[in-house]
Amino acid sequence: YLSCLLQVALEAESGGGARELAGITLKHGISKLWRDTSAEEKVHLRSQLLDQVGGVVADGVAVHLSLGIGRIARYDFPEEWQELFPLLLQKLGAQGSSGGGGGGG
């Protein structure tokens, strides 16, 4: 269920409203269902969220996916997700060296 929500949230062809609703539902689903989620799905979700959240261009979707990562971290870090901070640092370093990261204004 949670993996399907993530797929909809990341689907570029889906409408923005559907993507944002999937992101919101995923975020809340993590809070309610994470402890009962299979180990395989947890590994998939953690990996996909970290790999894909930087490429999400819709701000609302990105915010909800980021909050979902935070909720997973609250449950799984450090015991089940030791690689969280090394991966985040790697992503931030790659973003900085590619000129990404915005700043906007």
C-alpha atoms as a PDB file:
ATOM      1  CA  TYR A   1       0.000   0.000   0.000  1.00  0.00           C
ATOM      2  CA  LEU A   2       2.656   2.525   1.004  1.00  0.00           C
ATOM      3  CA  SER A   3       4.787   1.640  -2.030  1.00  0.00           C
ATOM      4  CA  CYS A   4       1.813   2.255  -4.322  1.00  0.00           C
ATOM      5  CA  LEU A   5       1.250   5.666  -2.746  1.00  0.00           C
ATOM      6  CA  LEU A   6       4.895   6.523  -3.289  1.00  0.00           C
ATOM      7  CA  GLN A   7       4.652   5.460  -6.920  1.00  0.00           C
ATOM      8  CA  VAL A   8       1.673   7.788  -7.490  1.00  0.00           C
ATOM      9  CA  ALA A   9       3.422  10.658  -5.679  1.00  0.00           C
ATOM     10  CA  LEU A  10       6.483  10.251  -7.916  1.00  0.00           C
ATOM     11  CA  GLU A  11       4.546   9.749 -11.183  1.00  0.00           C
ATOM     12  CA  ALA A  12       5.228  12.780 -13.374  1.00  0.00           C
ATOM     13  CA  GLU A  13       2.175  12.116 -15.569  1.00  0.00           C
ATOM     14  CA  SER A  14      -0.239  12.150 -12.621  1.00  0.00           C
ATOM     15  CA  GLY A  15      -2.002  15.396 -11.876  1.00  0.00           C
ATOM     16  CA  GLY A  16      -0.495  17.616  -9.205  1.00  0.00           C
ATOM     17  CA  GLY A  17      -3.489  17.150  -6.919  1.00  0.00           C
ATOM     18  CA  ALA A  18      -3.291  13.369  -7.126  1.00  0.00           C
ATOM     19  CA  ARG A  19       0.441  13.433  -6.470  1.00  0.00           C
ATOM     20  CA  GLU A  20       0.087  15.719  -3.475  1.00  0.00           C
ATOM     21  CA  LEU A  21      -2.776  13.655  -2.045  1.00  0.00           C
ATOM     22  CA  ALA A  22      -0.662  10.499  -2.445  1.00  0.00           C
ATOM     23  CA  GLY A  23       2.216  12.238  -0.638  1.00  0.00           C
ATOM     24  CA  ILE A  24      -0.037  13.334   2.221  1.00  0.00           C
ATOM     25  CA  THR A  25      -1.584   9.867   2.511  1.00  0.00           C
ATOM     26  CA  LEU A  26       1.867   8.258   2.422  1.00  0.00           C
ATOM     27  CA  LYS A  27       3.112  10.549   5.187  1.00  0.00           C
ATOM     28  CA  HIS A  28       0.123   9.692   7.398  1.00  0.00           C
ATOM     29  CA  GLY A  29       0.290   6.030   6.407  1.00  0.00           C
ATOM     30  CA  ILE A  30       3.878   5.845   7.592  1.00  0.00           C
ATOM     31  CA  SER A  31       2.760   7.089  11.001  1.00  0.00           C
ATOM     32  CA  LYS A  32      -0.049   4.566  11.256  1.00  0.00           C
ATOM     33  CA  LEU A  33       1.251   1.514   9.371  1.00  0.00           C
ATOM     34  CA  TRP A  34       5.056   1.539   9.578  1.00  0.00           C
ATOM     35  CA  ARG A  35       5.364  -0.948  12.421  1.00  0.00           C
ATOM     36  CA  ASP A  36       3.184  -3.450  10.532  1.00  0.00           C
ATOM     37  CA  THR A  37       4.927  -2.938   7.176  1.00  0.00           C
ATOM     38  CA  SER A  38       7.059  -5.810   5.874  1.00  0.00           C
ATOM     39  CA  ALA A  39      10.840  -5.534   6.094  1.00  0.00           C
ATOM     40  CA  GLU A  40      11.094  -5.754   2.288  1.00  0.00           C
ATOM     41  CA  GLU A  41       8.677  -2.870   1.763  1.00  0.00           C
ATOM     42  CA  LYS A  42      10.476  -0.786   4.394  1.00  0.00           C
ATOM     43  CA  VAL A  43      13.806  -1.250   2.588  1.00  0.00           C
ATOM     44  CA  HIS A  44      12.170  -0.349  -0.731  1.00  0.00           C
ATOM     45  CA  LEU A  45      10.473   2.767   0.657  1.00  0.00           C
ATOM     46  CA  ARG A  46      13.553   4.054   2.459  1.00  0.00           C
ATOM     47  CA  SER A  47      15.661   3.599  -0.656  1.00  0.00           C
ATOM     48  CA  GLN A  48      13.165   5.101  -3.088  1.00  0.00           C
ATOM     49  CA  LEU A  49      12.308   8.070  -0.904  1.00  0.00           C
ATOM     50  CA  LEU A  50      15.938   9.085  -0.522  1.00  0.00           C
ATOM     51  CA  ASP A  51      16.735   8.439  -4.181  1.00  0.00           C
ATOM     52  CA  GLN A  52      13.720  10.246  -5.618  1.00  0.00           C
ATOM     53  CA  VAL A  53      12.768  13.110  -3.302  1.00  0.00           C
ATOM     54  CA  GLY A  54      15.429  15.435  -4.737  1.00  0.00           C
ATOM     55  CA  GLY A  55      13.963  15.090  -8.223  1.00  0.00           C
ATOM     56  CA  VAL A  56      10.411  16.024  -7.225  1.00  0.00           C
ATOM     57  CA  VAL A  57       9.635  19.437  -8.672  1.00  0.00           C
ATOM     58  CA  ALA A  58       6.240  19.969  -7.027  1.00  0.00           C
ATOM     59  CA  ASP A  59       6.945  21.705  -3.718  1.00  0.00           C
ATOM     60  CA  GLY A  60       3.896  20.280  -1.914  1.00  0.00           C
ATOM     61  CA  VAL A  61       4.767  16.728  -2.892  1.00  0.00           C
ATOM     62  CA  ALA A  62       8.421  17.170  -1.944  1.00  0.00           C
ATOM     63  CA  VAL A  63       7.475  18.553   1.476  1.00  0.00           C
ATOM     64  CA  HIS A  64       5.228  15.575   2.284  1.00  0.00           C
ATOM     65  CA  LEU A  65       7.798  13.057   1.055  1.00  0.00           C
ATOM     66  CA  SER A  66      10.477  14.778   3.142  1.00  0.00           C
ATOM     67  CA  LEU A  67       8.230  14.646   6.196  1.00  0.00           C
ATOM     68  CA  GLY A  68       7.684  10.952   5.457  1.00  0.00           C
ATOM     69  CA  ILE A  69      11.454  10.422   5.512  1.00  0.00           C
ATOM     70  CA  GLY A  70      11.543  12.145   8.886  1.00  0.00           C
ATOM     71  CA  ARG A  71       8.822   9.905  10.258  1.00  0.00           C
ATOM     72  CA  ILE A  72      10.621   6.793   9.056  1.00  0.00           C
ATOM     73  CA  ALA A  73      13.836   8.071  10.639  1.00  0.00           C
ATOM     74  CA  ARG A  74      12.016   8.521  13.935  1.00  0.00           C
ATOM     75  CA  TYR A  75      11.063   4.819  13.873  1.00  0.00           C
ATOM     76  CA  ASP A  76      14.128   3.239  12.254  1.00  0.00           C
ATOM     77  CA  PHE A  77      17.182   5.390  12.988  1.00  0.00           C
ATOM     78  CA  PRO A  78      19.744   4.278  14.024  1.00  0.00           C
ATOM     79  CA  GLU A  79      18.919   0.615  14.601  1.00  0.00           C
ATOM     80  CA  GLU A  80      17.425  -0.243  11.202  1.00  0.00           C
ATOM     81  CA  TRP A  81      18.618   2.686   9.077  1.00  0.00           C
ATOM     82  CA  GLN A  82      22.281   3.260   9.918  1.00  0.00           C
ATOM     83  CA  GLU A  83      23.008   4.536   6.406  1.00  0.00           C
ATOM     84  CA  LEU A  84      20.537   7.458   6.653  1.00  0.00           C
ATOM     85  CA  PHE A  85      22.998  10.229   7.465  1.00  0.00           C
ATOM     86  CA  PRO A  86      25.813   9.043   5.176  1.00  0.00           C
ATOM     87  CA  LEU A  87      23.271   8.904   2.324  1.00  0.00           C
ATOM     88  CA  LEU A  88      21.899  12.352   3.164  1.00  0.00           C
ATOM     89  CA  LEU A  89      25.402  13.808   3.257  1.00  0.00           C
ATOM     90  CA  GLN A  90      26.198  12.140  -0.059  1.00  0.00           C
ATOM     91  CA  LYS A  91      23.014  13.571  -1.633  1.00  0.00           C
ATOM     92  CA  LEU A  92      23.735  17.038  -0.281  1.00  0.00           C
ATOM     93  CA  GLY A  93      27.308  16.893  -1.541  1.00  0.00           C
ATOM     94  CA  ALA A  94      26.156  15.784  -4.995  1.00  0.00           C
ATOM     95  CA  GLN A  95      23.567  18.564  -5.093  1.00  0.00           C
ATOM     96  CA  GLY A  96      26.103  21.182  -4.081  1.00  0.00           C
ATOM     97  CA  SER A  97      28.671  20.075  -6.646  1.00  0.00           C
ATOM     98  CA  SER A  98      26.102  20.020  -9.465  1.00  0.00           C
ATOM     99  CA  GLY A  99      24.913  23.539  -8.707  1.00  0.00           C
ATOM    100  CA  GLY A 100      21.505  22.263  -7.610  1.00  0.00           C
ATOM    101  CA  GLY A 101      19.732  23.074  -4.436  1.00  0.00           C
ATOM    102  CA  GLY A 102      18.082  26.257  -5.625  1.00  0.00           C
ATOM    103  CA  GLY A 103      18.041  29.020  -3.117  1.00  0.00           C
ATOM    104  CA  GLY A 104      15.701  30.944  -5.382  1.00  0.00           C
ATOM    105  CA  GLY A 105      14.389  34.286  -4.782  1.00  0.00           C
END
